[in-house]
Amino acid sequence: MRTSTADGFDVLNVVGEYFQFCDVKDWDGMRSLWTDVVTVDYAGVFPLDGQVEAETLKRAMADVIGPIPLTQHMVTSPVVTIDGDTATVRFHLEALHHHPELGDDERSTDWTLYARDVIGLDRTPRGWKVSSEKLTLMHQTGNRDFVSDLTRLATGRS
């Protein structure tokens, strides 16, 4: 059995990779970090909720986040709890989203979320995998209609 220190390092790396893959739009990389079904609660800021097949989650990430030219997800103050073959990482998240085609100033082109996030992981034969995520939105700045504005931009509606 590996030490809790090694497990803690491994689960923190999975969380770091998760957001790195998101920011570089590596959807296959993200998929490689999930269990086959992931329980999600994105506090209404993302169009999925509940138990979601990993392939469905991958497509949704690509559809919603893929068109955004710049995202930056910053994780701070992570706390890891490990209980056998399950782990939980609690942390603060600041998520910047920027799309220059949404307007002439940052009130329309930028959306930043400030949240508390909890990611659950399961130990599998292929390493630690994300099995759940619960986002609690604390504050947001910028364009609160960012996602719907992206949909309008993509469909050519004004």
N, C-alpha and C. Protein backbone atom coordinates (compact mmCIF):
# COMPACT_ATOMS: atom_id res chain seq x y z
N MET A 1 0.85 -1.19 0.00
CA MET A 1 0.00 0.00 0.00
C MET A 1 0.88 1.23 0.00
N ARG A 2 0.53 2.21 -0.82
CA ARG A 2 1.30 3.44 -0.89
C ARG A 2 1.01 4.30 0.33
N THR A 3 1.90 5.20 0.59
CA THR A 3 1.72 6.08 1.74
C THR A 3 0.68 7.15 1.44
N SER A 4 0.08 7.71 2.47
CA SER A 4 -0.89 8.77 2.27
C SER A 4 -0.24 10.01 1.65
N THR A 5 1.04 10.22 1.94
CA THR A 5 1.74 11.35 1.33
C THR A 5 1.81 11.18 -0.18
N ALA A 6 2.17 9.99 -0.64
CA ALA A 6 2.22 9.73 -2.09
C ALA A 6 0.83 9.84 -2.70
N ASP A 7 -0.19 9.28 -2.04
CA ASP A 7 -1.56 9.39 -2.54
C ASP A 7 -2.00 10.85 -2.61
N GLY A 8 -1.68 11.61 -1.56
CA GLY A 8 -2.05 13.03 -1.56
C GLY A 8 -1.43 13.77 -2.73
N PHE A 9 -0.16 13.50 -2.99
CA PHE A 9 0.52 14.12 -4.13
C PHE A 9 -0.16 13.70 -5.43
N ASP A 10 -0.49 12.43 -5.56
CA ASP A 10 -1.13 11.93 -6.78
C ASP A 10 -2.49 12.58 -7.03
N VAL A 11 -3.32 12.68 -5.99
CA VAL A 11 -4.64 13.28 -6.20
C VAL A 11 -4.53 14.77 -6.50
N LEU A 12 -3.59 15.46 -5.87
CA LEU A 12 -3.38 16.87 -6.21
C LEU A 12 -2.94 17.03 -7.67
N ASN A 13 -2.11 16.12 -8.15
CA ASN A 13 -1.70 16.17 -9.55
C ASN A 13 -2.88 15.96 -10.48
N VAL A 14 -3.79 15.06 -10.13
CA VAL A 14 -4.98 14.85 -10.96
C VAL A 14 -5.80 16.13 -11.04
N VAL A 15 -6.01 16.79 -9.90
CA VAL A 15 -6.78 18.05 -9.91
C VAL A 15 -6.05 19.11 -10.74
N GLY A 16 -4.74 19.22 -10.58
CA GLY A 16 -3.98 20.17 -11.39
C GLY A 16 -4.07 19.87 -12.88
N GLU A 17 -3.92 18.59 -13.24
CA GLU A 17 -4.04 18.20 -14.65
C GLU A 17 -5.43 18.52 -15.19
N TYR A 18 -6.45 18.27 -14.37
CA TYR A 18 -7.84 18.52 -14.76
C TYR A 18 -8.01 19.95 -15.29
N PHE A 19 -7.53 20.91 -14.53
CA PHE A 19 -7.69 22.30 -14.94
C PHE A 19 -6.69 22.72 -16.02
N GLN A 20 -5.50 22.13 -16.01
CA GLN A 20 -4.54 22.39 -17.10
C GLN A 20 -5.12 21.90 -18.43
N PHE A 21 -5.66 20.68 -18.43
CA PHE A 21 -6.27 20.14 -19.65
C PHE A 21 -7.44 21.02 -20.10
N CYS A 22 -8.23 21.50 -19.16
CA CYS A 22 -9.35 22.38 -19.50
C CYS A 22 -8.86 23.64 -20.19
N ASP A 23 -7.82 24.25 -19.65
CA ASP A 23 -7.34 25.52 -20.20
C ASP A 23 -6.66 25.38 -21.56
N VAL A 24 -6.09 24.21 -21.84
CA VAL A 24 -5.48 24.01 -23.17
C VAL A 24 -6.42 23.27 -24.11
N LYS A 25 -7.66 23.03 -23.65
CA LYS A 25 -8.71 22.41 -24.46
C LYS A 25 -8.34 20.99 -24.88
N ASP A 26 -7.75 20.23 -23.97
CA ASP A 26 -7.40 18.83 -24.22
C ASP A 26 -8.50 17.94 -23.64
N TRP A 27 -9.56 17.73 -24.42
CA TRP A 27 -10.74 17.02 -23.94
C TRP A 27 -10.44 15.53 -23.72
N ASP A 28 -9.59 14.94 -24.53
CA ASP A 28 -9.21 13.55 -24.29
C ASP A 28 -8.41 13.43 -22.99
N GLY A 29 -7.55 14.40 -22.74
CA GLY A 29 -6.81 14.41 -21.48
C GLY A 29 -7.75 14.50 -20.30
N MET A 30 -8.75 15.40 -20.39
CA MET A 30 -9.73 15.50 -19.30
C MET A 30 -10.46 14.18 -19.12
N ARG A 31 -10.89 13.59 -20.23
CA ARG A 31 -11.64 12.32 -20.16
C ARG A 31 -10.80 11.24 -19.47
N SER A 32 -9.50 11.26 -19.70
CA SER A 32 -8.63 10.23 -19.10
C SER A 32 -8.58 10.33 -17.58
N LEU A 33 -9.02 11.46 -17.02
CA LEU A 33 -8.98 11.67 -15.57
C LEU A 33 -10.28 11.31 -14.87
N TRP A 34 -11.34 10.99 -15.63
CA TRP A 34 -12.65 10.72 -15.05
C TRP A 34 -12.95 9.24 -14.96
N THR A 35 -13.78 8.89 -13.97
CA THR A 35 -14.39 7.58 -13.97
C THR A 35 -15.42 7.56 -15.10
N ASP A 36 -16.00 6.42 -15.40
CA ASP A 36 -16.94 6.33 -16.53
C ASP A 36 -18.21 7.13 -16.31
N VAL A 37 -18.60 7.30 -15.06
CA VAL A 37 -19.74 8.14 -14.68
C VAL A 37 -19.25 9.10 -13.61
N VAL A 38 -19.56 10.39 -13.80
CA VAL A 38 -19.12 11.42 -12.86
C VAL A 38 -20.36 12.13 -12.32
N THR A 39 -20.43 12.30 -11.02
CA THR A 39 -21.53 13.04 -10.41
C THR A 39 -21.11 14.51 -10.32
N VAL A 40 -21.89 15.39 -10.97
CA VAL A 40 -21.51 16.79 -11.03
C VAL A 40 -22.62 17.71 -10.53
N ASP A 41 -22.19 18.80 -9.93
CA ASP A 41 -23.07 19.89 -9.52
C ASP A 41 -22.27 21.17 -9.76
N TYR A 42 -22.56 21.85 -10.87
CA TYR A 42 -21.82 23.04 -11.24
C TYR A 42 -22.54 24.33 -10.85
N ALA A 43 -23.42 24.26 -9.88
CA ALA A 43 -24.10 25.44 -9.33
C ALA A 43 -24.82 26.26 -10.39
N GLY A 44 -25.28 25.59 -11.44
CA GLY A 44 -26.05 26.26 -12.47
C GLY A 44 -25.23 27.03 -13.50
N VAL A 45 -23.90 27.02 -13.40
CA VAL A 45 -23.09 27.77 -14.36
C VAL A 45 -22.66 26.92 -15.55
N PHE A 46 -22.95 25.63 -15.51
CA PHE A 46 -22.61 24.72 -16.60
C PHE A 46 -23.83 23.85 -16.84
N PRO A 47 -24.13 23.48 -18.08
CA PRO A 47 -25.43 22.86 -18.40
C PRO A 47 -25.60 21.39 -18.04
N LEU A 48 -24.87 20.87 -17.07
CA LEU A 48 -25.03 19.49 -16.65
C LEU A 48 -25.18 19.42 -15.14
N ASP A 49 -25.89 18.38 -14.68
CA ASP A 49 -26.10 18.20 -13.25
C ASP A 49 -26.44 16.74 -13.00
N GLY A 50 -25.97 16.19 -11.90
CA GLY A 50 -26.28 14.81 -11.55
C GLY A 50 -25.24 13.84 -12.06
N GLN A 51 -25.65 12.59 -12.24
CA GLN A 51 -24.73 11.58 -12.75
C GLN A 51 -24.65 11.69 -14.27
N VAL A 52 -23.43 11.83 -14.77
CA VAL A 52 -23.22 12.09 -16.20
C VAL A 52 -22.19 11.10 -16.73
N GLU A 53 -22.49 10.49 -17.87
CA GLU A 53 -21.51 9.64 -18.53
C GLU A 53 -20.30 10.49 -18.90
N ALA A 54 -19.11 9.96 -18.74
CA ALA A 54 -17.89 10.72 -19.00
C ALA A 54 -17.82 11.23 -20.43
N GLU A 55 -18.27 10.45 -21.40
CA GLU A 55 -18.24 10.91 -22.79
C GLU A 55 -19.19 12.09 -23.01
N THR A 56 -20.32 12.09 -22.33
CA THR A 56 -21.26 13.22 -22.40
C THR A 56 -20.62 14.46 -21.78
N LEU A 57 -19.95 14.29 -20.65
CA LEU A 57 -19.27 15.40 -20.00
C LEU A 57 -18.16 15.95 -20.89
N LYS A 58 -17.42 15.08 -21.53
CA LYS A 58 -16.35 15.50 -22.45
C LYS A 58 -16.93 16.35 -23.59
N ARG A 59 -18.03 15.88 -24.20
CA ARG A 59 -18.65 16.65 -25.30
C ARG A 59 -19.15 18.01 -24.82
N ALA A 60 -19.75 18.04 -23.62
CA ALA A 60 -20.26 19.31 -23.08
C ALA A 60 -19.12 20.28 -22.81
N MET A 61 -18.02 19.79 -22.26
CA MET A 61 -16.86 20.65 -22.03
C MET A 61 -16.36 21.22 -23.36
N ALA A 62 -16.25 20.37 -24.36
CA ALA A 62 -15.77 20.82 -25.68
C ALA A 62 -16.73 21.84 -26.29
N ASP A 63 -18.03 21.61 -26.15
CA ASP A 63 -19.03 22.51 -26.74
C ASP A 63 -19.09 23.86 -26.04
N VAL A 64 -19.01 23.86 -24.71
CA VAL A 64 -19.18 25.10 -23.95
C VAL A 64 -17.85 25.84 -23.79
N ILE A 65 -16.81 25.14 -23.36
CA ILE A 65 -15.53 25.80 -23.07
C ILE A 65 -14.65 25.89 -24.31
N GLY A 66 -14.80 24.94 -25.23
CA GLY A 66 -13.96 24.92 -26.43
C GLY A 66 -13.91 26.23 -27.20
N PRO A 67 -15.04 26.90 -27.42
CA PRO A 67 -15.02 28.14 -28.20
C PRO A 67 -14.42 29.35 -27.48
N ILE A 68 -14.13 29.24 -26.20
CA ILE A 68 -13.60 30.38 -25.45
C ILE A 68 -12.09 30.44 -25.68
N PRO A 69 -11.60 31.51 -26.31
CA PRO A 69 -10.17 31.58 -26.63
C PRO A 69 -9.25 31.56 -25.42
N LEU A 70 -9.70 32.11 -24.29
CA LEU A 70 -8.84 32.17 -23.12
C LEU A 70 -9.62 31.79 -21.87
N THR A 71 -9.15 30.74 -21.21
CA THR A 71 -9.64 30.41 -19.87
C THR A 71 -8.41 30.21 -18.99
N GLN A 72 -8.58 30.53 -17.73
CA GLN A 72 -7.51 30.27 -16.77
C GLN A 72 -8.17 29.91 -15.46
N HIS A 73 -7.96 28.66 -15.05
CA HIS A 73 -8.51 28.15 -13.80
C HIS A 73 -7.40 28.07 -12.78
N MET A 74 -7.57 28.79 -11.68
CA MET A 74 -6.53 28.85 -10.64
C MET A 74 -7.05 28.21 -9.36
N VAL A 75 -6.33 27.20 -8.89
CA VAL A 75 -6.69 26.44 -7.70
C VAL A 75 -5.81 26.92 -6.55
N THR A 76 -6.44 27.24 -5.42
CA THR A 76 -5.67 27.65 -4.24
C THR A 76 -6.18 26.93 -3.00
N SER A 77 -5.35 26.87 -2.00
CA SER A 77 -5.67 26.33 -0.68
C SER A 77 -6.24 24.92 -0.72
N PRO A 78 -5.64 24.00 -1.50
CA PRO A 78 -6.21 22.65 -1.54
C PRO A 78 -5.98 21.89 -0.23
N VAL A 79 -7.01 21.15 0.16
CA VAL A 79 -6.92 20.28 1.33
C VAL A 79 -7.36 18.89 0.87
N VAL A 80 -6.51 17.89 1.10
CA VAL A 80 -6.75 16.52 0.65
C VAL A 80 -7.14 15.65 1.84
N THR A 81 -8.19 14.86 1.65
CA THR A 81 -8.58 13.84 2.61
C THR A 81 -8.62 12.52 1.87
N ILE A 82 -7.95 11.51 2.42
CA ILE A 82 -7.93 10.18 1.80
C ILE A 82 -8.47 9.17 2.80
N ASP A 83 -9.39 8.34 2.30
CA ASP A 83 -9.96 7.28 3.12
C ASP A 83 -9.95 6.00 2.28
N GLY A 84 -8.90 5.24 2.42
CA GLY A 84 -8.77 4.01 1.64
C GLY A 84 -8.62 4.31 0.16
N ASP A 85 -9.61 3.89 -0.62
CA ASP A 85 -9.56 4.06 -2.08
C ASP A 85 -10.39 5.24 -2.57
N THR A 86 -10.75 6.13 -1.68
CA THR A 86 -11.44 7.36 -2.08
C THR A 86 -10.68 8.56 -1.53
N ALA A 87 -10.78 9.66 -2.25
CA ALA A 87 -10.11 10.89 -1.84
C ALA A 87 -11.03 12.06 -2.13
N THR A 88 -10.83 13.12 -1.37
CA THR A 88 -11.56 14.37 -1.58
C THR A 88 -10.55 15.50 -1.55
N VAL A 89 -10.68 16.41 -2.53
CA VAL A 89 -9.86 17.61 -2.54
C VAL A 89 -10.80 18.81 -2.49
N ARG A 90 -10.65 19.62 -1.44
CA ARG A 90 -11.43 20.85 -1.29
C ARG A 90 -10.48 22.01 -1.57
N PHE A 91 -10.97 23.00 -2.33
CA PHE A 91 -10.09 24.11 -2.69
C PHE A 91 -10.92 25.31 -3.12
N HIS A 92 -10.24 26.44 -3.24
CA HIS A 92 -10.85 27.64 -3.83
C HIS A 92 -10.48 27.66 -5.30
N LEU A 93 -11.42 28.16 -6.10
CA LEU A 93 -11.22 28.21 -7.54
C LEU A 93 -11.54 29.61 -8.05
N GLU A 94 -10.63 30.14 -8.85
CA GLU A 94 -10.90 31.37 -9.59
C GLU A 94 -10.81 31.00 -11.06
N ALA A 95 -11.90 31.23 -11.80
CA ALA A 95 -11.96 30.80 -13.19
C ALA A 95 -12.25 32.00 -14.10
N LEU A 96 -11.24 32.40 -14.84
CA LEU A 96 -11.36 33.51 -15.79
C LEU A 96 -11.73 32.95 -17.16
N HIS A 97 -12.69 33.61 -17.82
CA HIS A 97 -13.11 33.27 -19.17
C HIS A 97 -13.10 34.57 -19.98
N HIS A 98 -12.47 34.54 -21.15
CA HIS A 98 -12.36 35.75 -21.97
C HIS A 98 -12.64 35.40 -23.43
N HIS A 99 -13.54 36.17 -24.05
CA HIS A 99 -13.82 36.02 -25.48
C HIS A 99 -13.91 37.41 -26.10
N PRO A 100 -12.91 37.80 -26.91
CA PRO A 100 -12.86 39.16 -27.43
C PRO A 100 -14.00 39.53 -28.38
N GLU A 101 -14.68 38.54 -28.94
CA GLU A 101 -15.75 38.84 -29.90
C GLU A 101 -17.10 39.13 -29.24
N LEU A 102 -17.13 39.17 -27.92
CA LEU A 102 -18.39 39.43 -27.22
C LEU A 102 -18.63 40.92 -26.95
N GLY A 103 -17.72 41.78 -27.35
CA GLY A 103 -17.96 43.20 -27.12
C GLY A 103 -16.70 44.01 -27.16
N ASP A 104 -16.85 45.26 -26.71
CA ASP A 104 -15.75 46.21 -26.78
C ASP A 104 -15.05 46.44 -25.45
N ASP A 105 -15.60 45.93 -24.35
CA ASP A 105 -14.94 46.11 -23.05
C ASP A 105 -15.08 44.86 -22.21
N GLU A 106 -14.30 44.83 -21.13
CA GLU A 106 -14.23 43.62 -20.33
C GLU A 106 -15.53 43.29 -19.61
N ARG A 107 -16.46 44.24 -19.51
CA ARG A 107 -17.75 43.92 -18.90
C ARG A 107 -18.55 42.95 -19.77
N SER A 108 -18.24 42.90 -21.05
CA SER A 108 -18.93 41.96 -21.93
C SER A 108 -18.03 40.80 -22.36
N THR A 109 -16.73 41.01 -22.42
CA THR A 109 -15.81 39.98 -22.92
C THR A 109 -15.27 39.05 -21.84
N ASP A 110 -15.38 39.43 -20.57
CA ASP A 110 -14.79 38.65 -19.48
C ASP A 110 -15.85 38.19 -18.48
N TRP A 111 -15.61 37.03 -17.94
CA TRP A 111 -16.45 36.49 -16.87
C TRP A 111 -15.53 35.74 -15.93
N THR A 112 -15.51 36.12 -14.67
CA THR A 112 -14.67 35.46 -13.68
C THR A 112 -15.55 34.92 -12.56
N LEU A 113 -15.35 33.64 -12.26
CA LEU A 113 -16.06 32.98 -11.17
C LEU A 113 -15.12 32.79 -10.00
N TYR A 114 -15.63 32.98 -8.83
CA TYR A 114 -14.91 32.69 -7.59
C TYR A 114 -15.75 31.65 -6.87
N ALA A 115 -15.15 30.51 -6.57
CA ALA A 115 -15.95 29.41 -6.04
C ALA A 115 -15.17 28.58 -5.03
N ARG A 116 -15.91 27.79 -4.29
CA ARG A 116 -15.35 26.69 -3.52
C ARG A 116 -15.68 25.44 -4.31
N ASP A 117 -14.72 24.56 -4.44
CA ASP A 117 -14.91 23.37 -5.25
C ASP A 117 -14.50 22.15 -4.43
N VAL A 118 -15.20 21.06 -4.65
CA VAL A 118 -14.87 19.78 -4.02
C VAL A 118 -14.85 18.73 -5.11
N ILE A 119 -13.70 18.10 -5.28
CA ILE A 119 -13.55 17.03 -6.25
C ILE A 119 -13.34 15.72 -5.49
N GLY A 120 -14.15 14.72 -5.84
CA GLY A 120 -14.01 13.38 -5.28
C GLY A 120 -13.27 12.50 -6.28
N LEU A 121 -12.41 11.65 -5.77
CA LEU A 121 -11.64 10.75 -6.63
C LEU A 121 -11.71 9.33 -6.10
N ASP A 122 -11.64 8.37 -7.02
CA ASP A 122 -11.59 6.96 -6.68
C ASP A 122 -10.27 6.39 -7.17
N ARG A 123 -9.68 5.51 -6.36
CA ARG A 123 -8.48 4.80 -6.81
C ARG A 123 -8.94 3.69 -7.76
N THR A 124 -8.36 3.63 -8.93
CA THR A 124 -8.68 2.60 -9.92
C THR A 124 -7.39 1.89 -10.31
N PRO A 125 -7.48 0.80 -11.06
CA PRO A 125 -6.25 0.15 -11.54
C PRO A 125 -5.41 1.08 -12.43
N ARG A 126 -6.03 2.12 -12.98
CA ARG A 126 -5.32 3.09 -13.83
C ARG A 126 -4.95 4.37 -13.08
N GLY A 127 -5.01 4.32 -11.75
CA GLY A 127 -4.66 5.48 -10.95
C GLY A 127 -5.91 6.18 -10.43
N TRP A 128 -5.71 7.32 -9.78
CA TRP A 128 -6.81 8.10 -9.24
C TRP A 128 -7.61 8.74 -10.36
N LYS A 129 -8.95 8.64 -10.26
CA LYS A 129 -9.86 9.20 -11.27
C LYS A 129 -10.91 10.05 -10.58
N VAL A 130 -11.28 11.15 -11.22
CA VAL A 130 -12.32 12.05 -10.70
C VAL A 130 -13.68 11.36 -10.84
N SER A 131 -14.38 11.24 -9.71
CA SER A 131 -15.71 10.62 -9.71
C SER A 131 -16.83 11.61 -9.40
N SER A 132 -16.45 12.79 -8.89
CA SER A 132 -17.48 13.79 -8.58
C SER A 132 -16.84 15.18 -8.52
N GLU A 133 -17.70 16.17 -8.76
CA GLU A 133 -17.29 17.56 -8.57
C GLU A 133 -18.50 18.36 -8.14
N LYS A 134 -18.32 19.15 -7.09
CA LYS A 134 -19.37 20.04 -6.60
C LYS A 134 -18.80 21.44 -6.47
N LEU A 135 -19.36 22.33 -7.26
CA LEU A 135 -18.94 23.73 -7.28
C LEU A 135 -19.94 24.54 -6.45
N THR A 136 -19.43 25.39 -5.58
CA THR A 136 -20.27 26.33 -4.84
C THR A 136 -19.83 27.73 -5.24
N LEU A 137 -20.67 28.41 -5.99
CA LEU A 137 -20.35 29.74 -6.48
C LEU A 137 -20.41 30.74 -5.33
N MET A 138 -19.32 31.51 -5.16
CA MET A 138 -19.26 32.50 -4.10
C MET A 138 -19.46 33.92 -4.62
N HIS A 139 -18.93 34.18 -5.82
CA HIS A 139 -18.98 35.52 -6.39
C HIS A 139 -18.64 35.43 -7.87
N GLN A 140 -19.07 36.40 -8.62
CA GLN A 140 -18.70 36.46 -10.03
C GLN A 140 -18.62 37.92 -10.47
N THR A 141 -17.74 38.17 -11.42
CA THR A 141 -17.60 39.51 -11.97
C THR A 141 -17.66 39.43 -13.48
N GLY A 142 -17.93 40.56 -14.09
CA GLY A 142 -17.98 40.62 -15.54
C GLY A 142 -19.34 40.22 -16.08
N ASN A 143 -19.33 39.60 -17.24
CA ASN A 143 -20.53 39.26 -17.99
C ASN A 143 -21.18 37.99 -17.44
N ARG A 144 -22.23 38.16 -16.67
CA ARG A 144 -22.93 37.02 -16.08
C ARG A 144 -23.75 36.25 -17.11
N ASP A 145 -23.91 36.81 -18.31
CA ASP A 145 -24.61 36.13 -19.40
C ASP A 145 -23.62 35.55 -20.40
N PHE A 146 -22.39 35.34 -19.98
CA PHE A 146 -21.29 34.92 -20.85
C PHE A 146 -21.64 33.66 -21.65
N VAL A 147 -22.14 32.62 -21.00
CA VAL A 147 -22.42 31.36 -21.69
C VAL A 147 -23.54 31.55 -22.71
N SER A 148 -24.62 32.24 -22.37
CA SER A 148 -25.69 32.46 -23.34
C SER A 148 -25.23 33.39 -24.46
N ASP A 149 -24.36 34.36 -24.15
CA ASP A 149 -23.80 35.22 -25.20
C ASP A 149 -22.93 34.41 -26.16
N LEU A 150 -22.20 33.42 -25.66
CA LEU A 150 -21.41 32.54 -26.53
C LEU A 150 -22.31 31.75 -27.47
N THR A 151 -23.44 31.28 -26.94
CA THR A 151 -24.39 30.53 -27.77
C THR A 151 -24.93 31.41 -28.89
N ARG A 152 -25.28 32.63 -28.55
CA ARG A 152 -25.76 33.57 -29.58
C ARG A 152 -24.69 33.83 -30.62
N LEU A 153 -23.45 34.02 -30.17
CA LEU A 153 -22.32 34.26 -31.09
C LEU A 153 -22.14 33.06 -32.02
N ALA A 154 -22.22 31.84 -31.48
CA ALA A 154 -22.00 30.62 -32.26
C ALA A 154 -23.10 30.40 -33.27
N THR A 155 -24.32 30.79 -32.93
CA THR A 155 -25.45 30.55 -33.84
C THR A 155 -25.72 31.75 -34.74
N GLY A 156 -24.97 32.83 -34.56
CA GLY A 156 -25.12 34.01 -35.40
C GLY A 156 -26.33 34.86 -35.06
N ARG A 157 -26.96 34.60 -33.91
CA ARG A 157 -28.08 35.43 -33.48
C ARG A 157 -27.58 36.67 -32.77
N SER A 158 -28.32 37.75 -32.89
CA SER A 158 -27.89 38.98 -32.20
C SER A 158 -28.77 39.26 -31.01
